């Protein structure tokens, strides 16, 4: 009898031991949930997976699927499937935030939902309670110090005579990468409503412009091959060139710089708002926030303490630098896109 009782107890203990991993897995808050989000691909998505998704999966059992694609195409897909959205979250830069809000596709996010929002620095949350800002990238003048002896100091310096045939600008087709035109205008007494000063600078710079880069990759290759010595580029890409051994200097124009902020949004109709909020809280944590700056040297949006090796490479690394970030009326800027493209093309063809 005692032997039988012992065997039954041993069997029960063994069953419990085998069931333990399953029980632990089931006890995780978001086990069985997979969030879908449009992705940007490459190092960007890899970094978010490492710094945001992996800790959430470990802690809560939450999985996240990044669907790398084109932001414009993903936006169209979201609009077309508004009643059955293909994403739970939507990554959008400053310009696409305007479109998302116009189409009423995203929910507000309060600090009661995501307490980490309280840590966001002034000027980086541009749309009230919509969107969680988590990265900032800036289009700035850059130059190769091996060939350019006199440092550039402004967007308008692209017109300097010593840069003849050796400068590159980004194509004006995107609202984001064309912000340097606004910089040229405002440096010379113009504004978003008066772009003529920018076009005068561009006319003066025409002999210097060897190429209009259609993509950031093509511009990166031009600088690396030393086909061009100066131009307008993204701050994170300039750091990438320095890592590759090209002595590219990033210029911080004293009259202000023009940036885009990357936001994570709650898509209307998601079935897992609480899990989405958990993702965003982790995104704004020190662990999540340091990912993109560490991997790509694009700026942070919170009060996170930056390690020295990252701090020195970031454009926005102090209150003084943060104050240089110029506010952009994105709705007006986007409304003038066609006229801007037409004018730039006319100047470059003439």
Protein backbone atom coordinates (compact mmCIF):
# COMPACT_ATOMS: atom_id res chain seq x y z
CA UNK A 1 0.00 0.00 0.00
CA UNK A 2 2.77 2.40 0.94
CA UNK A 3 4.65 1.49 -2.23
CA UNK A 4 1.55 2.21 -4.34
CA UNK A 5 1.02 5.58 -2.63
CA UNK A 6 4.67 6.46 -3.25
CA UNK A 7 4.41 5.60 -6.94
CA UNK A 8 1.24 7.68 -7.35
CA UNK A 9 2.90 10.67 -5.64
CA UNK A 10 6.00 10.32 -7.80
CA UNK A 11 3.88 10.18 -10.97
CA UNK A 12 1.98 13.30 -9.94
CA UNK A 13 5.22 15.16 -9.21
CA UNK A 14 6.62 14.15 -12.59
CA UNK A 15 3.46 15.34 -14.35
CA UNK A 16 3.69 18.68 -12.59
CA UNK A 17 7.34 19.04 -13.57
CA UNK A 18 6.52 18.36 -17.21
CA UNK A 19 3.63 20.81 -17.14
CA UNK A 20 5.61 23.60 -15.45
CA UNK A 21 7.08 25.18 -18.64
CA UNK A 22 3.63 25.18 -20.23
CA UNK A 23 2.07 26.78 -17.15
CA UNK A 24 4.79 29.44 -17.04
CA UNK A 25 4.29 30.19 -20.74
CA UNK A 26 0.55 30.51 -20.28
CA UNK A 27 1.01 32.84 -17.33
CA UNK A 28 2.76 35.48 -19.47
CA UNK A 29 0.41 38.42 -19.97
CA UNK A 30 0.47 38.65 -23.78
CA UNK A 31 1.26 35.05 -24.65
CA UNK A 32 -0.29 34.08 -27.98
CA UNK A 33 -0.49 37.68 -29.26
CA UNK A 34 1.45 38.83 -32.33
CA UNK A 35 1.39 42.53 -33.18
CA UNK A 36 1.84 43.61 -36.79
CA UNK A 37 3.69 46.78 -37.70
CA UNK A 38 4.95 48.27 -40.96
CA UNK A 39 8.73 48.11 -41.00
CA UNK A 40 11.54 50.09 -42.59
CA UNK A 41 13.78 47.05 -43.01
CA UNK A 42 17.50 46.46 -42.43
CA UNK A 43 19.30 47.68 -39.33
CA UNK A 44 16.30 49.76 -38.25
CA UNK A 45 13.96 46.76 -37.83
CA UNK A 46 16.75 44.58 -36.46
CA UNK A 47 17.47 47.15 -33.75
CA UNK A 48 13.83 47.45 -32.71
CA UNK A 49 13.58 43.67 -32.58
CA UNK A 50 16.62 43.46 -30.33
CA UNK A 51 15.92 46.37 -27.98
CA UNK A 52 12.13 46.41 -27.86
CA UNK A 53 10.61 43.14 -29.03
CA UNK A 54 13.02 40.64 -27.41
CA UNK A 55 12.57 42.02 -23.85
CA UNK A 56 8.77 42.07 -24.30
CA UNK A 57 8.72 38.49 -25.52
CA UNK A 58 10.85 37.43 -22.57
CA UNK A 59 8.69 39.26 -20.05
CA UNK A 60 5.19 38.96 -21.49
CA UNK A 61 5.33 36.38 -24.28
CA UNK A 62 4.43 39.12 -26.77
CA UNK A 63 5.54 38.69 -30.37
CA UNK A 64 5.85 41.47 -32.95
CA UNK A 65 6.04 41.05 -36.72
CA UNK A 66 7.72 43.84 -38.70
CA UNK A 67 6.50 43.88 -42.30
CA UNK A 68 9.27 45.72 -44.12
CA UNK A 69 8.05 47.82 -47.00
CA UNK A 70 7.53 51.30 -48.35
CA UNK A 71 5.90 53.82 -46.00
CA UNK A 72 3.80 55.32 -48.80
CA UNK A 73 2.54 51.94 -50.01
CA UNK A 74 1.84 50.81 -46.45
CA UNK A 75 -0.20 53.96 -45.83
CA UNK A 76 -2.30 53.26 -48.94
CA UNK A 77 -2.78 49.69 -47.74
CA UNK A 78 -3.98 50.95 -44.35
CA UNK A 79 -6.44 53.39 -45.95
CA UNK A 80 -7.82 50.68 -48.23
CA UNK A 81 -8.34 48.29 -45.32
CA UNK A 82 -9.56 50.72 -42.69
CA UNK A 83 -12.26 48.34 -41.39
CA UNK A 84 -9.87 45.41 -41.17
CA UNK A 85 -6.44 47.03 -40.66
CA UNK A 86 -3.36 45.04 -41.71
CA UNK A 87 -1.34 46.63 -38.87
CA UNK A 88 -1.75 47.07 -35.12
CA UNK A 89 0.87 49.81 -35.07
CA UNK A 90 2.04 52.16 -37.77
CA UNK A 91 5.49 53.74 -38.00
CA UNK A 92 5.26 57.16 -39.60
CA UNK A 93 7.54 60.15 -39.98
CA UNK A 94 6.38 63.71 -39.32
CA UNK A 95 4.91 64.20 -42.80
CA UNK A 96 2.92 60.95 -42.82
CA UNK A 97 1.51 61.81 -39.41
CA UNK A 98 -0.44 64.56 -41.16
CA UNK A 99 -1.92 62.01 -43.57
CA UNK A 100 -2.74 59.51 -40.81
CA UNK A 101 -4.63 62.15 -38.84
CA UNK A 102 -6.48 63.42 -41.90
CA UNK A 103 -7.67 59.88 -42.63
CA UNK A 104 -8.56 59.28 -38.96
CA UNK A 105 -6.54 56.07 -38.87
CA UNK A 106 -4.82 56.27 -35.47
CA UNK A 107 -5.84 56.54 -31.83
CA UNK A 108 -4.72 59.07 -29.25
CA UNK A 109 -2.14 57.88 -26.74
CA UNK A 110 -2.28 59.36 -23.25
CA UNK A 111 0.35 59.30 -20.53
CA UNK A 112 -2.06 57.10 -18.58
CA UNK A 113 -1.64 54.53 -21.38
CA UNK A 114 2.12 54.99 -21.84
CA UNK A 115 3.73 56.73 -18.83
CA UNK A 116 7.08 56.95 -20.67
CA UNK A 117 5.63 59.75 -22.81
CA UNK A 118 6.36 62.07 -19.86
CA UNK A 119 10.05 61.68 -20.68
CA UNK A 120 9.73 63.01 -24.25
CA UNK A 121 11.69 66.24 -24.70
CA UNK A 122 9.93 69.51 -25.62
CA UNK A 123 9.38 69.98 -29.34
CA UNK A 124 9.50 66.29 -30.27
CA UNK A 125 5.79 65.46 -29.96
CA UNK A 126 4.23 67.57 -32.70
CA UNK A 127 0.67 66.21 -32.90
CA UNK A 128 -0.88 66.56 -29.48
CA UNK A 129 -1.80 63.17 -28.03
CA UNK A 130 -1.21 61.30 -31.29
CA UNK A 131 1.89 59.19 -31.86
CA UNK A 132 4.87 58.26 -29.70
CA UNK A 133 8.05 59.94 -31.02
CA UNK A 134 11.09 57.70 -30.72
CA UNK A 135 13.74 58.88 -33.19
CA UNK A 136 14.77 62.08 -34.93
CA UNK A 137 16.79 62.47 -38.12
CA UNK A 138 18.05 65.71 -39.59
CA UNK A 139 19.02 66.85 -43.06
CA UNK A 140 22.19 68.94 -42.77
CA UNK A 141 25.10 70.29 -44.81
CA UNK A 142 28.14 67.98 -44.85
CA UNK A 143 31.58 68.12 -46.40
CA UNK A 144 34.72 66.04 -46.86
CA UNK A 145 37.49 67.72 -44.82
CA UNK A 146 40.13 66.05 -47.02
CA UNK A 147 39.13 68.28 -49.95
CA UNK A 148 37.22 71.23 -48.44
CA UNK A 149 39.56 73.51 -46.51
CA UNK A 150 37.09 76.19 -45.48
CA UNK A 151 34.35 74.62 -43.30
CA UNK A 152 30.75 74.93 -44.39
CA UNK A 153 28.54 76.67 -41.83
CA UNK A 154 25.06 76.82 -43.39
CA UNK A 155 22.67 75.29 -45.90
CA UNK A 156 23.33 78.24 -48.19
CA UNK A 157 27.07 77.49 -48.35
CA UNK A 158 26.27 74.90 -51.01
CA UNK A 159 26.54 77.88 -53.40
CA UNK A 160 30.16 78.70 -52.51
CA UNK A 161 32.38 79.00 -55.64
CA UNK A 162 35.05 76.66 -54.26
CA UNK A 163 32.61 73.73 -54.49
CA UNK A 164 32.24 73.92 -58.28
CA UNK A 165 31.26 70.55 -59.77
CA UNK A 166 31.69 68.74 -56.45
CA UNK A 167 28.40 69.11 -54.59
CA UNK A 168 25.33 66.90 -54.32
CA UNK A 169 21.80 67.59 -53.14
CA UNK A 170 18.90 65.28 -52.36
CA UNK A 171 16.05 65.10 -54.85
CA UNK A 172 13.19 67.48 -53.99
CA UNK A 173 10.53 64.80 -54.51
CA UNK A 174 10.16 63.89 -50.82
CA UNK A 175 8.75 66.29 -48.25
CA UNK A 176 11.35 65.12 -45.76
CA UNK A 177 14.63 65.18 -47.66
CA UNK A 178 13.77 68.51 -49.33
CA UNK A 179 13.77 70.38 -46.00
CA UNK A 180 17.17 71.87 -46.87
CA UNK A 181 15.29 74.21 -49.23
CA UNK A 182 13.40 75.60 -46.26
CA UNK A 183 16.75 76.05 -44.53
CA UNK A 184 18.08 78.05 -47.49
CA UNK A 185 14.95 80.19 -47.53
CA UNK A 186 14.94 81.03 -43.83
CA UNK A 187 18.68 81.69 -43.74
CA UNK A 188 18.12 84.41 -46.33
CA UNK A 189 15.02 86.16 -45.04
CA UNK A 190 12.44 83.85 -46.61
CA UNK A 191 9.94 81.47 -45.08
CA UNK A 192 7.70 78.55 -45.87
CA UNK A 193 5.40 81.11 -47.49
CA UNK A 194 8.25 82.79 -49.39
CA UNK A 195 10.67 80.29 -50.91
CA UNK A 196 12.20 82.68 -53.45
CA UNK A 197 15.43 83.19 -51.43
CA UNK A 198 15.99 79.42 -51.52
CA UNK A 199 15.61 79.30 -55.29
CA UNK A 200 18.10 82.14 -55.69
CA UNK A 201 20.64 80.15 -53.64
CA UNK A 202 19.93 77.08 -55.75
CA UNK A 203 20.48 79.06 -58.96
CA UNK A 204 23.82 80.27 -57.61
CA UNK A 205 24.71 76.71 -56.58
CA UNK A 206 23.85 75.15 -59.93
CA UNK A 207 27.49 75.13 -61.24
CA UNK A 208 28.48 73.27 -58.09
CA UNK A 209 25.86 70.53 -58.23
CA UNK A 210 27.31 67.45 -59.85
CA UNK A 211 24.31 65.26 -59.01
CA UNK A 212 20.83 65.19 -57.55
CA UNK A 213 20.70 62.00 -55.48
CA UNK A 214 17.46 60.08 -55.85
CA UNK A 215 18.19 57.87 -52.83
CA UNK A 216 20.30 58.08 -49.69
CA UNK A 217 22.21 54.98 -50.81
CA UNK A 218 23.25 56.58 -54.09
CA UNK A 219 24.45 59.71 -52.27
CA UNK A 220 26.37 57.63 -49.76
CA UNK A 221 28.13 55.89 -52.64
CA UNK A 222 29.03 59.22 -54.27
CA UNK A 223 30.69 60.46 -51.09
CA UNK A 224 32.47 57.18 -50.53
CA UNK A 225 33.83 57.14 -54.08
CA UNK A 226 34.90 60.79 -53.61
CA UNK A 227 32.88 61.85 -56.64
CA UNK A 228 31.49 64.71 -54.51
CA UNK A 229 33.02 66.64 -51.62
CA UNK A 230 30.06 68.53 -50.14
CA UNK A 231 26.30 68.47 -50.05
CA UNK A 232 23.14 67.98 -48.04
CA UNK A 233 22.70 64.65 -46.27
CA UNK A 234 21.12 62.90 -43.28
CA UNK A 235 23.04 63.12 -40.00
CA UNK A 236 22.95 59.36 -39.39
CA UNK A 237 24.22 58.62 -42.89
CA UNK A 238 27.09 61.07 -42.39
CA UNK A 239 28.09 59.06 -39.32
CA UNK A 240 27.94 55.90 -41.43
CA UNK A 241 30.44 57.45 -43.85
CA UNK A 242 32.77 58.34 -40.98
CA UNK A 243 32.60 54.74 -39.78
CA UNK A 244 33.68 53.68 -43.26
CA UNK A 245 36.72 55.96 -43.06
CA UNK A 246 35.45 58.93 -45.07
CA UNK A 247 36.28 62.22 -43.23
CA UNK A 248 32.80 63.68 -43.51
CA UNK A 249 32.01 66.62 -41.25
CA UNK A 250 28.43 67.26 -40.12
CA UNK A 251 27.52 70.95 -40.06
CA UNK A 252 25.10 72.42 -37.50
CA UNK A 253 23.81 75.69 -38.99
CA UNK A 254 23.50 78.24 -36.16
CA UNK A 255 20.17 79.59 -37.48
CA UNK A 256 18.50 76.21 -37.05
CA UNK A 257 18.20 72.69 -38.44
CA UNK A 258 15.32 70.80 -40.04
CA UNK A 259 14.34 67.35 -38.88
CA UNK A 260 11.79 64.60 -39.15
CA UNK A 261 10.58 62.66 -36.15
CA UNK A 262 9.66 58.98 -36.37
CA UNK A 263 6.47 58.05 -34.52
CA UNK A 264 4.84 54.80 -33.46
CA UNK A 265 1.05 54.90 -33.61
CA UNK A 266 -1.88 52.85 -32.34
CA UNK A 267 -3.95 51.88 -35.37
CA UNK A 268 -7.69 52.25 -34.96
CA UNK A 269 -9.29 48.83 -34.85
CA UNK A 270 -6.38 46.94 -33.28
CA UNK A 271 -7.60 44.10 -31.12
CA UNK A 272 -4.66 44.42 -28.73
CA UNK A 273 -4.38 48.04 -27.51
CA UNK A 274 -2.92 47.03 -24.16
CA UNK A 275 -0.15 45.04 -25.84
CA UNK A 276 0.53 47.97 -28.19
CA UNK A 277 0.88 50.28 -25.17
CA UNK A 278 3.34 47.83 -23.60
CA UNK A 279 5.40 47.95 -26.81
CA UNK A 280 5.48 51.73 -26.72
CA UNK A 281 6.47 51.84 -23.07
CA UNK A 282 9.41 49.57 -23.82
CA UNK A 283 10.24 51.68 -26.89
CA UNK A 284 10.55 54.76 -24.66
CA UNK A 285 12.54 52.97 -21.96
CA UNK A 286 16.29 53.56 -21.77
CA UNK A 287 16.90 50.14 -23.30
CA UNK A 288 14.56 50.82 -26.22
CA UNK A 289 15.50 54.46 -26.74
CA UNK A 290 19.25 53.84 -27.01
CA UNK A 291 18.88 51.27 -29.80
CA UNK A 292 18.60 53.52 -32.88
CA UNK A 293 21.17 56.09 -31.65
CA UNK A 294 23.65 53.29 -30.93
CA UNK A 295 23.12 51.50 -34.24
CA UNK A 296 22.59 54.43 -36.61
CA UNK A 297 23.33 57.65 -34.69
CA UNK A 298 19.90 59.13 -35.26
CA UNK A 299 18.76 61.20 -32.30
CA UNK A 300 16.85 60.21 -29.18
CA UNK A 301 13.59 61.92 -28.22
CA UNK A 302 13.61 61.45 -24.43
CA UNK A 303 15.75 62.46 -21.46
CA UNK A 304 17.70 59.17 -21.69
CA UNK A 305 21.31 59.45 -20.50
CA UNK A 306 23.53 58.98 -23.54
CA UNK A 307 26.83 57.09 -23.24
CA UNK A 308 29.79 59.27 -24.21
CA UNK A 309 30.61 57.29 -27.37
CA UNK A 310 27.05 57.92 -28.64
CA UNK A 311 26.61 61.42 -27.20
CA UNK A 312 29.52 62.92 -29.13
CA UNK A 313 28.17 61.67 -32.46
CA UNK A 314 24.56 62.86 -32.13
CA UNK A 315 23.37 66.13 -33.54
CA UNK A 316 20.79 66.58 -30.76
CA UNK A 317 22.89 65.97 -27.66
CA UNK A 318 22.21 69.03 -25.48
CA UNK A 319 19.44 71.51 -24.65
CA UNK A 320 21.23 74.08 -26.82
CA UNK A 321 21.25 71.75 -29.80
CA UNK A 322 17.63 70.73 -29.17
CA UNK A 323 16.67 74.41 -29.31
CA UNK A 324 18.02 74.59 -32.89
CA UNK A 325 15.34 72.18 -34.14
CA UNK A 326 13.04 74.32 -36.26
CA UNK A 327 9.31 73.80 -36.22
CA UNK A 328 7.90 72.83 -39.62
CA UNK A 329 4.33 73.45 -40.74
CA UNK A 330 4.10 70.05 -42.36
CA UNK A 331 0.64 70.56 -43.80
CA UNK A 332 1.70 73.70 -45.66
CA UNK A 333 5.05 72.19 -46.66
CA UNK A 334 3.34 69.15 -48.17
CA UNK A 335 0.72 71.28 -49.93
CA UNK A 336 3.49 73.07 -51.85
CA UNK A 337 5.30 69.89 -52.92
CA UNK A 338 4.37 69.98 -56.62
CA UNK A 339 5.26 73.65 -57.04
CA UNK A 340 8.56 73.07 -55.24
CA UNK A 341 9.52 70.11 -57.43
CA UNK A 342 8.60 72.00 -60.59
CA UNK A 343 10.65 75.03 -59.59
CA UNK A 344 13.75 73.03 -58.63
CA UNK A 345 13.59 71.02 -61.85
CA UNK A 346 13.23 74.22 -63.88
CA UNK A 347 16.32 75.73 -62.22
CA UNK A 348 18.43 72.62 -62.75
CA UNK A 349 17.36 72.25 -66.40
CA UNK A 350 17.89 75.87 -67.38
